[in-house]
């Protein structure tokens, strides 16, 4: 079983949650990324650093 992970900035977090629920048909776990991870991870919907990860595990 693979894990769906969506990285999102503050602006796109609602969209990321909607997309996750539509694809997985379950509620996700939303976690704030630590500072180190934020620097190297981009939002999947724009080019800004991601603030959150939305995943199912």
N, C-alpha and C. Protein backbone atom coordinates (compact mmCIF):
# COMPACT_ATOMS: atom_id res chain seq x y z
N UNK A 1 0.84 -1.19 0.00
CA UNK A 1 0.00 0.00 0.00
C UNK A 1 0.87 1.24 0.00
N UNK A 2 0.63 2.13 -0.92
CA UNK A 2 1.41 3.36 -0.98
C UNK A 2 0.71 4.46 -0.20
N UNK A 3 1.47 5.44 0.18
CA UNK A 3 0.97 6.55 0.97
C UNK A 3 0.88 7.80 0.11
N UNK A 4 -0.28 8.42 0.06
CA UNK A 4 -0.43 9.69 -0.64
C UNK A 4 0.08 10.79 0.26
N UNK A 5 0.98 11.61 -0.26
CA UNK A 5 1.51 12.75 0.47
C UNK A 5 1.39 13.98 -0.41
N UNK A 6 0.83 15.03 0.14
CA UNK A 6 0.69 16.29 -0.57
C UNK A 6 1.37 17.36 0.26
N UNK A 7 2.33 18.07 -0.34
CA UNK A 7 3.01 19.17 0.33
C UNK A 7 2.33 20.46 -0.08
N UNK A 8 2.06 21.33 0.90
CA UNK A 8 1.30 22.53 0.62
C UNK A 8 1.80 23.73 1.42
N UNK A 9 1.66 24.91 0.81
CA UNK A 9 1.93 26.15 1.52
C UNK A 9 0.65 26.57 2.28
N UNK A 10 0.75 27.66 3.03
CA UNK A 10 -0.41 28.17 3.78
C UNK A 10 -1.57 28.52 2.84
N UNK A 11 -1.26 29.09 1.69
CA UNK A 11 -2.29 29.53 0.75
C UNK A 11 -3.10 28.37 0.18
N UNK A 12 -2.45 27.26 -0.09
CA UNK A 12 -3.10 26.15 -0.78
C UNK A 12 -3.52 24.98 0.12
N UNK A 13 -3.45 25.14 1.43
CA UNK A 13 -3.75 24.02 2.32
C UNK A 13 -5.19 23.53 2.17
N UNK A 14 -6.14 24.41 2.00
CA UNK A 14 -7.54 23.98 1.83
C UNK A 14 -7.71 23.16 0.56
N UNK A 15 -7.06 23.59 -0.51
CA UNK A 15 -7.12 22.83 -1.77
C UNK A 15 -6.46 21.46 -1.60
N UNK A 16 -5.32 21.41 -0.92
CA UNK A 16 -4.63 20.14 -0.69
C UNK A 16 -5.52 19.17 0.10
N UNK A 17 -6.20 19.67 1.11
CA UNK A 17 -7.11 18.83 1.89
C UNK A 17 -8.26 18.32 1.03
N UNK A 18 -8.84 19.20 0.22
CA UNK A 18 -9.94 18.80 -0.67
C UNK A 18 -9.50 17.73 -1.66
N UNK A 19 -8.34 17.91 -2.26
CA UNK A 19 -7.82 16.94 -3.24
C UNK A 19 -7.57 15.60 -2.56
N UNK A 20 -6.99 15.63 -1.37
CA UNK A 20 -6.71 14.39 -0.66
C UNK A 20 -8.00 13.62 -0.37
N UNK A 21 -8.99 14.30 0.18
CA UNK A 21 -10.26 13.65 0.53
C UNK A 21 -10.94 13.10 -0.73
N UNK A 22 -10.88 13.85 -1.83
CA UNK A 22 -11.51 13.39 -3.08
C UNK A 22 -10.82 12.13 -3.61
N UNK A 23 -9.51 12.06 -3.51
CA UNK A 23 -8.77 10.90 -4.03
C UNK A 23 -8.83 9.70 -3.10
N UNK A 24 -8.68 9.93 -1.81
CA UNK A 24 -8.56 8.84 -0.85
C UNK A 24 -9.87 8.47 -0.17
N UNK A 25 -10.85 9.36 -0.24
CA UNK A 25 -12.16 9.15 0.40
C UNK A 25 -12.02 8.84 1.89
N UNK A 26 -11.08 9.51 2.53
CA UNK A 26 -10.87 9.40 3.97
C UNK A 26 -10.24 10.69 4.47
N UNK A 27 -10.29 10.89 5.77
CA UNK A 27 -9.70 12.10 6.33
C UNK A 27 -8.19 11.95 6.43
N UNK A 28 -7.45 12.99 6.10
CA UNK A 28 -5.99 12.94 6.14
C UNK A 28 -5.43 13.35 7.50
N UNK A 29 -4.15 13.12 7.63
CA UNK A 29 -3.38 13.66 8.74
C UNK A 29 -2.65 14.87 8.18
N UNK A 30 -2.79 16.01 8.85
CA UNK A 30 -2.12 17.24 8.41
C UNK A 30 -1.09 17.60 9.46
N UNK A 31 0.16 17.74 9.03
CA UNK A 31 1.23 18.08 9.95
C UNK A 31 2.00 19.28 9.45
N UNK A 32 2.38 20.14 10.37
CA UNK A 32 3.22 21.30 10.04
C UNK A 32 4.64 20.80 9.85
N UNK A 33 5.30 21.22 8.80
CA UNK A 33 6.68 20.82 8.54
C UNK A 33 7.63 21.59 9.45
N UNK A 34 8.72 20.95 9.84
CA UNK A 34 9.73 21.67 10.63
C UNK A 34 10.53 22.58 9.70
N UNK A 35 11.24 23.52 10.28
CA UNK A 35 11.96 24.54 9.50
C UNK A 35 12.92 23.93 8.47
N UNK A 36 13.64 22.90 8.84
CA UNK A 36 14.60 22.28 7.93
C UNK A 36 13.91 21.69 6.69
N UNK A 37 12.80 21.00 6.89
CA UNK A 37 12.05 20.39 5.79
C UNK A 37 11.41 21.46 4.91
N UNK A 38 10.96 22.57 5.53
CA UNK A 38 10.32 23.65 4.77
C UNK A 38 11.27 24.25 3.74
N UNK A 39 12.54 24.33 4.09
CA UNK A 39 13.52 24.95 3.20
C UNK A 39 13.75 24.14 1.93
N UNK A 40 13.58 22.84 2.00
CA UNK A 40 13.89 21.99 0.84
C UNK A 40 12.66 21.45 0.11
N UNK A 41 11.46 21.78 0.59
CA UNK A 41 10.24 21.21 -0.01
C UNK A 41 9.34 22.32 -0.53
N UNK A 42 8.93 22.20 -1.78
CA UNK A 42 8.06 23.21 -2.40
C UNK A 42 6.60 22.76 -2.35
N UNK A 43 5.71 23.73 -2.33
CA UNK A 43 4.28 23.47 -2.44
C UNK A 43 4.01 22.81 -3.79
N UNK A 44 3.07 21.86 -3.81
CA UNK A 44 2.75 21.18 -5.06
C UNK A 44 1.88 22.01 -5.99
N UNK A 45 1.41 23.18 -5.53
CA UNK A 45 0.52 24.01 -6.34
C UNK A 45 1.14 25.35 -6.72
N UNK A 46 2.27 25.68 -6.15
CA UNK A 46 2.98 26.91 -6.51
C UNK A 46 4.46 26.72 -6.19
N UNK A 47 5.25 27.75 -6.29
CA UNK A 47 6.70 27.62 -6.13
C UNK A 47 7.20 28.07 -4.77
N UNK A 48 6.29 28.27 -3.81
CA UNK A 48 6.72 28.71 -2.49
C UNK A 48 7.05 27.50 -1.60
N UNK A 49 7.80 27.70 -0.54
CA UNK A 49 8.12 26.59 0.36
C UNK A 49 6.84 26.01 0.99
N UNK A 50 6.80 24.71 1.12
CA UNK A 50 5.65 24.04 1.75
C UNK A 50 5.69 24.27 3.26
N UNK A 51 4.51 24.43 3.84
CA UNK A 51 4.38 24.57 5.29
C UNK A 51 3.79 23.34 5.93
N UNK A 52 3.04 22.56 5.13
CA UNK A 52 2.30 21.40 5.64
C UNK A 52 2.50 20.18 4.76
N UNK A 53 2.34 19.02 5.38
CA UNK A 53 2.22 17.78 4.63
C UNK A 53 0.87 17.18 4.98
N UNK A 54 0.15 16.78 3.96
CA UNK A 54 -1.16 16.14 4.13
C UNK A 54 -0.96 14.70 3.66
N UNK A 55 -1.21 13.73 4.54
CA UNK A 55 -0.95 12.33 4.21
C UNK A 55 -1.94 11.41 4.92
N UNK A 56 -1.89 10.14 4.53
CA UNK A 56 -2.78 9.18 5.16
C UNK A 56 -2.04 8.24 6.10
N UNK A 57 -0.77 8.49 6.31
CA UNK A 57 0.00 7.72 7.30
C UNK A 57 1.26 8.44 7.65
